[in-house]
Amino acid sequence: MHLLAASPGGFTDEEGIIDLDQTPSDVVFLSAADSQLSLLSCVIQHNPPSFSIRLANWMNLTKPAAFDLFEHKVLEQSKVVIISLLGGVNYFTYGVERLIAWQKQDSTRTLIMIAGDDNDDEALFKLNTTPSSNNIEAAYLIWRYIREGGQSNINLCFNFIKQYCIDHQSFENCDTPQAKKTPNAFLYAPTLGQSNITQWQKNSTHKDTAIFIFYKSHVQNAHTQMFDDFIHQCAKQHLNILPIAITSLKDAFSLLLINELIEQSNAKIILNATGFCSHIENNQSLFINDLPVLQLILASSDEQTWQDSNIGLFGRDLAMQVVLPEMDGRIITRSLSFKQSDVYDKQAQLDVIQYQLHTERATFIIELAKKWIKLGEKKNQE
């Protein structure tokens, strides 16, 4: 068995295991979301916490041998582990088992397990173990800081970790302000963040309008450069883009806002960059005016890995961004972006990964959207 370097997308089907090549630290934060790790890295670089910290994508540690190596090289000498689990413990069974065993070996160690989404996972919270009896309250507070995102919330999170997990202060004696919340959905504008329809209308210069939907977590995690580049590319190709950041297409407020903005903007098509399906009953449309929905794919691998692969996209990308969206009747397009690492964070010992727009494929998608709009203007007999 040989060692492999980590690459965007995490898990590898090649023989061998991934070695993250990190050293021990006071705190280790594990997440499957590169955007979340990117935000944490950004805060660490601009306002370093008073403790040492390592960041890692646990998708690189799904093979038991890879986790065992990481445990030996990093965790055995670390004090605190915080892990954000998307999908619950079943997606990382071996890692969770080993983390629980790691904590039991030394009662001064702290293990915080939080949900990787906004669903309150009570069973997961009960697995938390800290030197204080308020472990569930502590885990919940950290969870909300991480999920709400933004640099101010992460600074609050780091401050609480220092007091509660490192200094072992009681929960009651720690600073515990609530996380600053963002709306479930909002109209997005590059550089501004949140905007409104009046402001958007002032800047709309082209005839046709497309709604562009993506997860608000990208905004919360300061992970918007690729989306800004795509919006700029749409403008270059004379297509008005109305970007809406949402929690989920299953969220009632998100759907309400989308449909209100469809009506106010007279949008002719929807470009959707969220995954999964919405389990629509009786084949009813989620959106008013029965607009066509083009599904955009944000690949979880880098472009070279995608090029070299016999199947192209990773299996989870095919499932979440192709197969399931087709069940909602969405029209599958192409990969709009790939992941790329341009920066190495020396403090967190992490290759910071960001989405990068694939200009040629973005151009194709925009032209395809314009053709669908043109088709929608024709009468049935034509």
Protein backbone atom coordinates (compact mmCIF):
# COMPACT_ATOMS: atom_id res chain seq x y z
CA MET A 1 0.00 0.00 0.00
CA HIS A 2 1.39 3.40 -0.94
CA LEU A 3 0.67 6.95 0.26
CA LEU A 4 -1.17 9.48 -1.90
CA ALA A 5 -1.33 13.26 -1.67
CA ALA A 6 -4.75 14.79 -1.02
CA SER A 7 -6.58 16.24 -4.02
CA PRO A 8 -9.81 18.24 -4.43
CA GLY A 9 -12.81 15.97 -3.94
CA GLY A 10 -11.22 13.88 -1.22
CA PHE A 11 -11.81 10.16 -1.48
CA THR A 12 -9.75 8.27 -4.03
CA ASP A 13 -10.52 4.86 -5.50
CA GLU A 14 -6.85 4.28 -6.25
CA GLU A 15 -4.90 1.69 -4.30
CA GLY A 16 -3.13 3.32 -1.40
CA ILE A 17 -4.15 5.82 1.26
CA ILE A 18 -4.06 9.58 1.56
CA ASP A 19 -1.51 11.13 3.91
CA LEU A 20 -2.48 14.69 4.85
CA ASP A 21 1.04 15.15 6.24
CA GLN A 22 -0.05 17.32 9.18
CA THR A 23 1.50 17.77 12.61
CA PRO A 24 -0.34 17.75 15.98
CA SER A 25 -2.16 20.84 17.26
CA ASP A 26 -4.39 21.93 20.12
CA VAL A 27 -7.53 21.78 17.97
CA VAL A 28 -8.38 19.71 14.90
CA PHE A 29 -11.42 20.67 12.80
CA LEU A 30 -12.76 18.12 10.31
CA SER A 31 -15.39 18.84 7.67
CA ALA A 32 -16.51 17.47 4.31
CA ALA A 33 -17.25 21.00 3.02
CA ASP A 34 -14.27 22.66 1.33
CA SER A 35 -16.10 26.01 1.45
CA GLN A 36 -16.40 25.72 5.24
CA LEU A 37 -12.71 24.92 5.58
CA SER A 38 -11.91 27.84 3.27
CA LEU A 39 -13.78 30.26 5.56
CA LEU A 40 -12.05 28.95 8.67
CA SER A 41 -8.69 29.28 6.93
CA CYS A 42 -9.50 32.86 5.92
CA VAL A 43 -10.27 33.80 9.53
CA ILE A 44 -7.16 32.01 10.82
CA GLN A 45 -4.94 33.92 8.40
CA HIS A 46 -6.46 37.34 9.18
CA ASN A 47 -7.13 36.91 12.90
CA PRO A 48 -5.22 33.87 14.22
CA PRO A 49 -6.70 32.22 17.33
CA SER A 50 -4.58 31.88 20.46
CA PHE A 51 -4.36 28.10 20.00
CA SER A 52 -2.87 25.95 17.24
CA ILE A 53 -5.36 24.44 14.82
CA ARG A 54 -5.39 22.00 11.90
CA LEU A 55 -8.11 21.87 9.25
CA ALA A 56 -8.83 18.77 7.19
CA ASN A 57 -11.48 17.32 4.89
CA TRP A 58 -12.55 14.01 6.40
CA MET A 59 -13.43 12.73 2.92
CA ASN A 60 -9.69 12.14 2.64
CA LEU A 61 -9.87 9.86 5.68
CA THR A 62 -12.70 7.52 4.75
CA LYS A 63 -10.35 4.56 4.29
CA PRO A 64 -9.65 3.06 7.73
CA ALA A 65 -5.89 2.95 7.11
CA ALA A 66 -5.89 6.65 6.15
CA PHE A 67 -7.70 7.56 9.37
CA ASP A 68 -5.39 5.37 11.45
CA LEU A 69 -2.38 7.19 9.98
CA PHE A 70 -3.98 10.59 10.70
CA GLU A 71 -4.81 9.51 14.25
CA HIS A 72 -1.22 8.42 14.83
CA LYS A 73 0.42 11.50 13.32
CA VAL A 74 -2.02 14.20 14.51
CA LEU A 75 -4.80 13.21 16.90
CA GLU A 76 -2.77 11.32 19.51
CA GLN A 77 -1.16 14.58 20.63
CA SER A 78 -4.16 16.89 20.08
CA LYS A 79 -6.56 18.12 22.75
CA VAL A 80 -9.78 18.96 20.89
CA VAL A 81 -11.47 17.50 17.82
CA ILE A 82 -14.48 19.16 16.21
CA ILE A 83 -16.09 17.34 13.30
CA SER A 84 -18.91 18.54 11.05
CA LEU A 85 -20.73 15.46 9.75
CA LEU A 86 -22.82 15.89 6.62
CA GLY A 87 -25.26 12.98 6.47
CA GLY A 88 -24.68 11.79 10.02
CA VAL A 89 -22.40 9.12 11.46
CA ASN A 90 -23.25 6.52 8.80
CA TYR A 91 -21.17 8.39 6.21
CA PHE A 92 -18.05 8.17 8.37
CA THR A 93 -18.66 5.15 10.62
CA TYR A 94 -15.07 4.07 11.19
CA GLY A 95 -13.84 7.62 11.79
CA VAL A 96 -16.57 8.31 14.35
CA GLU A 97 -15.86 5.05 16.17
CA ARG A 98 -12.16 5.89 16.37
CA LEU A 99 -12.85 9.46 17.54
CA ILE A 100 -15.06 8.20 20.37
CA ALA A 101 -12.31 5.74 21.36
CA TRP A 102 -9.71 8.55 21.09
CA GLN A 103 -11.64 10.67 23.59
CA LYS A 104 -12.15 7.80 26.03
CA GLN A 105 -8.40 7.23 26.21
CA ASP A 106 -7.97 10.60 27.98
CA SER A 107 -10.76 12.30 29.92
CA THR A 108 -9.19 15.74 29.36
CA ARG A 109 -9.78 15.45 25.62
CA THR A 110 -12.78 17.14 24.04
CA LEU A 111 -14.83 15.69 21.17
CA ILE A 112 -17.46 17.90 19.54
CA MET A 113 -19.61 16.40 16.77
CA ILE A 114 -21.99 18.70 14.91
CA ALA A 115 -24.34 18.30 11.96
CA GLY A 116 -23.05 19.38 8.55
CA ASP A 117 -26.44 20.88 7.66
CA ASP A 118 -29.17 22.84 9.44
CA ASN A 119 -31.07 19.78 10.70
CA ASP A 120 -30.89 19.41 14.48
CA ASP A 121 -29.34 15.93 14.88
CA GLU A 122 -30.16 15.07 18.49
CA ALA A 123 -28.52 11.64 18.32
CA LEU A 124 -25.29 13.22 17.09
CA PHE A 125 -25.25 15.84 19.85
CA LYS A 126 -25.57 13.11 22.49
CA LEU A 127 -22.26 11.63 21.31
CA ASN A 128 -20.35 14.75 22.34
CA THR A 129 -17.96 14.43 25.24
CA THR A 130 -16.40 17.37 27.05
CA PRO A 131 -14.94 17.95 30.52
CA SER A 132 -18.10 19.90 31.38
CA SER A 133 -21.63 18.58 31.84
CA ASN A 134 -22.92 21.18 29.35
CA ASN A 135 -21.52 19.32 26.35
CA ILE A 136 -24.77 19.39 24.33
CA GLU A 137 -25.22 23.15 24.84
CA ALA A 138 -21.59 23.73 23.88
CA ALA A 139 -21.88 21.60 20.74
CA TYR A 140 -25.08 23.37 19.75
CA LEU A 141 -23.46 26.81 20.12
CA ILE A 142 -20.44 25.78 18.01
CA TRP A 143 -22.79 24.25 15.43
CA ARG A 144 -24.70 27.51 15.02
CA TYR A 145 -21.51 29.58 14.75
CA ILE A 146 -20.23 27.27 12.01
CA ARG A 147 -23.53 26.95 10.15
CA GLU A 148 -24.33 30.69 10.15
CA GLY A 149 -20.81 31.36 8.87
CA GLY A 150 -19.24 34.73 8.29
CA GLN A 151 -15.98 35.94 9.81
CA SER A 152 -17.62 37.47 12.90
CA ASN A 153 -19.32 34.18 13.83
CA ILE A 154 -16.10 32.21 13.34
CA ASN A 155 -14.24 34.65 15.60
CA LEU A 156 -16.92 34.11 18.25
CA CYS A 157 -16.55 30.36 17.73
CA PHE A 158 -12.77 30.44 18.19
CA ASN A 159 -13.14 32.54 21.34
CA PHE A 160 -15.61 30.05 22.82
CA ILE A 161 -13.39 27.08 21.90
CA LYS A 162 -10.48 28.74 23.72
CA GLN A 163 -12.50 29.36 26.87
CA TYR A 164 -14.50 26.14 27.01
CA CYS A 165 -12.36 23.49 25.30
CA ILE A 166 -8.80 24.68 25.94
CA ASP A 167 -9.06 26.55 29.27
CA HIS A 168 -11.87 24.28 30.55
CA GLN A 169 -13.98 27.14 31.88
CA SER A 170 -17.53 26.22 32.84
CA PHE A 171 -20.16 26.89 30.18
CA GLU A 172 -21.77 29.49 32.44
CA ASN A 173 -18.51 31.46 32.71
CA CYS A 174 -17.82 31.49 28.95
CA ASP A 175 -18.79 34.23 26.52
CA THR A 176 -21.73 32.71 24.65
CA PRO A 177 -23.38 35.32 22.40
CA GLN A 178 -25.78 33.88 19.85
CA ALA A 179 -24.59 33.46 16.28
CA LYS A 180 -25.49 36.27 13.90
CA LYS A 181 -28.11 34.88 11.53
CA THR A 182 -28.60 35.29 7.80
CA PRO A 183 -32.02 34.99 6.09
CA ASN A 184 -33.05 31.62 4.68
CA ALA A 185 -32.94 33.19 1.22
CA PHE A 186 -31.98 36.53 -0.28
CA LEU A 187 -31.21 38.29 -3.54
CA TYR A 188 -27.44 38.23 -3.94
CA ALA A 189 -25.17 40.83 -5.50
CA PRO A 190 -21.40 40.53 -6.03
CA THR A 191 -19.33 42.60 -3.57
CA LEU A 192 -22.53 43.68 -1.74
CA GLY A 193 -23.74 40.30 -0.50
CA GLN A 194 -27.46 40.90 0.04
CA SER A 195 -29.39 43.16 -2.33
CA ASN A 196 -33.01 43.92 -3.32
CA ILE A 197 -35.11 43.90 -6.47
CA THR A 198 -35.07 47.70 -6.82
CA GLN A 199 -31.28 47.82 -6.84
CA TRP A 200 -31.14 44.89 -9.24
CA GLN A 201 -33.58 46.53 -11.68
CA LYS A 202 -31.38 49.65 -11.83
CA ASN A 203 -28.49 47.54 -13.07
CA SER A 204 -30.44 45.34 -15.52
CA THR A 205 -29.51 46.28 -19.06
CA HIS A 206 -30.46 43.30 -21.23
CA LYS A 207 -33.75 42.02 -22.60
CA ASP A 208 -33.83 38.48 -21.17
CA THR A 209 -33.56 37.50 -17.54
CA ALA A 210 -32.56 34.23 -15.90
CA ILE A 211 -32.94 33.33 -12.24
CA PHE A 212 -29.68 31.89 -10.85
CA ILE A 213 -30.13 29.75 -7.72
CA PHE A 214 -27.32 28.55 -5.47
CA TYR A 215 -26.83 27.64 -1.82
CA LYS A 216 -26.51 30.53 0.64
CA SER A 217 -23.73 28.60 2.39
CA HIS A 218 -21.39 29.79 -0.38
CA VAL A 219 -22.06 33.38 0.70
CA GLN A 220 -21.79 32.53 4.40
CA ASN A 221 -18.43 30.87 3.76
CA ALA A 222 -17.07 33.73 1.62
CA HIS A 223 -16.89 31.27 -1.26
CA THR A 224 -18.45 33.35 -4.03
CA GLN A 225 -15.70 34.20 -6.52
CA MET A 226 -16.78 31.54 -9.02
CA PHE A 227 -20.41 32.67 -8.79
CA ASP A 228 -19.36 36.30 -9.27
CA ASP A 229 -17.34 35.28 -12.35
CA PHE A 230 -20.36 33.45 -13.79
CA ILE A 231 -22.63 36.46 -13.21
CA HIS A 232 -20.06 38.64 -15.00
CA GLN A 233 -19.88 36.14 -17.88
CA CYS A 234 -23.68 36.25 -18.25
CA ALA A 235 -23.54 40.04 -18.53
CA LYS A 236 -20.85 39.76 -21.23
CA GLN A 237 -23.17 37.46 -23.18
CA HIS A 238 -26.15 39.84 -22.77
CA LEU A 239 -28.16 37.80 -20.30
CA ASN A 240 -29.60 39.44 -17.19
CA ILE A 241 -28.89 37.28 -14.15
CA LEU A 242 -30.92 37.53 -10.95
CA PRO A 243 -28.90 35.57 -8.34
CA ILE A 244 -30.76 34.11 -5.36
CA ALA A 245 -28.95 32.46 -2.46
CA ILE A 246 -31.16 29.92 -0.71
CA THR A 247 -31.15 27.36 2.08
CA SER A 248 -32.73 24.62 -0.02
CA LEU A 249 -35.44 24.06 -2.60
CA LYS A 250 -37.28 22.25 0.19
CA ASP A 251 -37.38 25.43 2.27
CA ALA A 252 -40.75 27.22 2.04
CA PHE A 253 -39.34 30.74 2.41
CA SER A 254 -36.73 30.10 -0.28
CA LEU A 255 -39.41 28.96 -2.73
CA LEU A 256 -41.64 31.90 -1.85
CA LEU A 257 -38.84 34.40 -2.55
CA ILE A 258 -37.84 32.69 -5.81
CA ASN A 259 -41.40 32.80 -7.14
CA GLU A 260 -41.88 36.42 -6.08
CA LEU A 261 -38.69 37.40 -7.89
CA ILE A 262 -39.65 35.40 -10.98
CA GLU A 263 -42.83 37.48 -11.18
CA GLN A 264 -41.15 40.82 -10.43
CA SER A 265 -38.28 40.28 -12.88
CA ASN A 266 -40.30 38.58 -15.64
CA ALA A 267 -37.65 35.86 -15.74
CA LYS A 268 -37.83 33.37 -18.60
CA ILE A 269 -35.62 30.55 -17.32
CA ILE A 270 -34.01 29.19 -14.14
CA LEU A 271 -30.36 28.21 -13.77
CA ASN A 272 -30.07 25.98 -10.72
CA ALA A 273 -26.81 25.13 -8.96
CA THR A 274 -28.29 23.26 -5.98
CA GLY A 275 -28.37 19.48 -5.75
CA PHE A 276 -30.75 16.68 -4.87
CA CYS A 277 -34.46 16.58 -5.76
CA SER A 278 -37.52 18.06 -4.08
CA HIS A 279 -39.89 15.06 -4.13
CA ILE A 280 -42.61 16.96 -5.98
CA GLU A 281 -46.05 15.40 -5.64
CA ASN A 282 -48.14 14.83 -8.78
CA ASN A 283 -45.31 16.24 -10.95
CA GLN A 284 -46.20 19.78 -9.92
CA SER A 285 -43.65 22.49 -10.67
CA LEU A 286 -41.89 24.25 -7.82
CA PHE A 287 -41.90 27.49 -9.76
CA ILE A 288 -44.59 29.71 -11.27
CA ASN A 289 -44.96 30.19 -15.02
CA ASP A 290 -43.72 26.62 -15.65
CA LEU A 291 -40.22 27.85 -16.48
CA PRO A 292 -37.57 25.46 -17.79
CA VAL A 293 -34.89 24.67 -15.20
CA LEU A 294 -31.32 24.09 -16.33
CA GLN A 295 -29.25 22.10 -13.84
CA LEU A 296 -25.68 23.40 -13.45
CA ILE A 297 -23.04 21.03 -12.09
CA LEU A 298 -20.35 22.12 -9.63
CA ALA A 299 -17.81 19.31 -9.87
CA SER A 300 -16.25 18.20 -6.59
CA SER A 301 -13.01 17.22 -8.32
CA ASP A 302 -10.32 19.23 -10.06
CA GLU A 303 -10.44 19.43 -13.86
CA GLN A 304 -7.46 17.12 -14.42
CA THR A 305 -8.99 14.33 -12.32
CA TRP A 306 -12.22 14.72 -14.28
CA GLN A 307 -10.34 14.59 -17.58
CA ASP A 308 -8.41 11.47 -16.59
CA SER A 309 -11.41 9.58 -15.21
CA ASN A 310 -13.19 6.92 -17.26
CA ILE A 311 -16.56 8.06 -15.89
CA GLY A 312 -15.95 11.82 -15.63
CA LEU A 313 -17.78 13.08 -12.55
CA PHE A 314 -17.45 11.42 -9.16
CA GLY A 315 -20.28 9.06 -8.23
CA ARG A 316 -21.66 11.44 -5.60
CA ASP A 317 -21.75 14.26 -8.17
CA LEU A 318 -23.67 12.04 -10.58
CA ALA A 319 -26.13 11.12 -7.84
CA MET A 320 -26.70 14.57 -6.30
CA GLN A 321 -26.36 16.79 -9.38
CA VAL A 322 -27.55 14.60 -12.26
CA VAL A 323 -29.73 11.64 -11.26
CA LEU A 324 -31.75 13.23 -8.43
CA PRO A 325 -32.31 16.62 -10.17
CA GLU A 326 -33.63 14.75 -13.23
CA MET A 327 -36.40 13.39 -11.00
CA ASP A 328 -37.62 17.00 -10.68
CA GLY A 329 -37.60 17.39 -14.46
CA ARG A 330 -34.51 19.60 -14.58
CA ILE A 331 -32.48 19.77 -17.78
CA ILE A 332 -28.92 18.61 -17.16
CA THR A 333 -26.24 20.83 -18.71
CA ARG A 334 -22.50 20.68 -18.02
CA SER A 335 -19.97 21.16 -15.25
CA LEU A 336 -19.86 24.88 -14.64
CA SER A 337 -16.83 24.70 -12.38
CA PHE A 338 -14.11 22.50 -10.95
CA LYS A 339 -12.24 22.67 -7.67
CA GLN A 340 -8.73 24.03 -7.53
CA SER A 341 -6.18 24.66 -4.82
CA ASP A 342 -4.12 27.84 -5.26
CA VAL A 343 -3.25 28.66 -1.64
CA TYR A 344 -1.58 26.70 1.15
CA ASP A 345 -2.45 27.75 4.71
CA LYS A 346 0.72 27.14 6.74
CA GLN A 347 -1.01 27.58 10.10
CA ALA A 348 -3.86 25.18 9.41
CA GLN A 349 -1.65 22.99 7.16
CA LEU A 350 -4.37 22.92 4.51
CA ASP A 351 -4.50 23.33 0.76
CA VAL A 352 -7.36 25.82 0.50
CA ILE A 353 -9.76 24.69 -2.21
CA GLN A 354 -12.06 26.96 -4.20
CA TYR A 355 -14.41 26.53 -7.15
CA GLN A 356 -13.00 27.86 -10.41
CA LEU A 357 -15.27 28.78 -13.31
CA HIS A 358 -14.72 26.84 -16.53
CA THR A 359 -15.19 29.67 -19.01
CA GLU A 360 -15.83 27.56 -22.10
CA ARG A 361 -18.52 25.51 -20.36
CA ALA A 362 -20.04 28.60 -18.78
CA THR A 363 -20.30 30.16 -22.25
CA PHE A 364 -22.04 27.04 -23.55
CA ILE A 365 -24.56 27.03 -20.66
CA ILE A 366 -25.40 30.70 -21.12
CA GLU A 367 -25.97 30.27 -24.85
CA LEU A 368 -28.10 27.20 -24.15
CA ALA A 369 -30.22 29.25 -21.71
CA LYS A 370 -30.72 31.97 -24.34
CA LYS A 371 -31.87 29.36 -26.87
CA TRP A 372 -34.37 27.94 -24.37
CA ILE A 373 -35.71 31.47 -23.84
CA LYS A 374 -36.02 31.95 -27.60
CA LEU A 375 -37.78 28.60 -27.93
CA GLY A 376 -40.24 29.62 -25.21
CA GLU A 377 -41.22 32.72 -27.22
CA LYS A 378 -42.37 30.63 -30.19
CA LYS A 379 -45.96 29.58 -30.62
CA ASN A 380 -46.75 25.87 -30.41
CA GLN A 381 -47.49 25.60 -34.14
CA GLU A 382 -44.02 26.88 -34.92
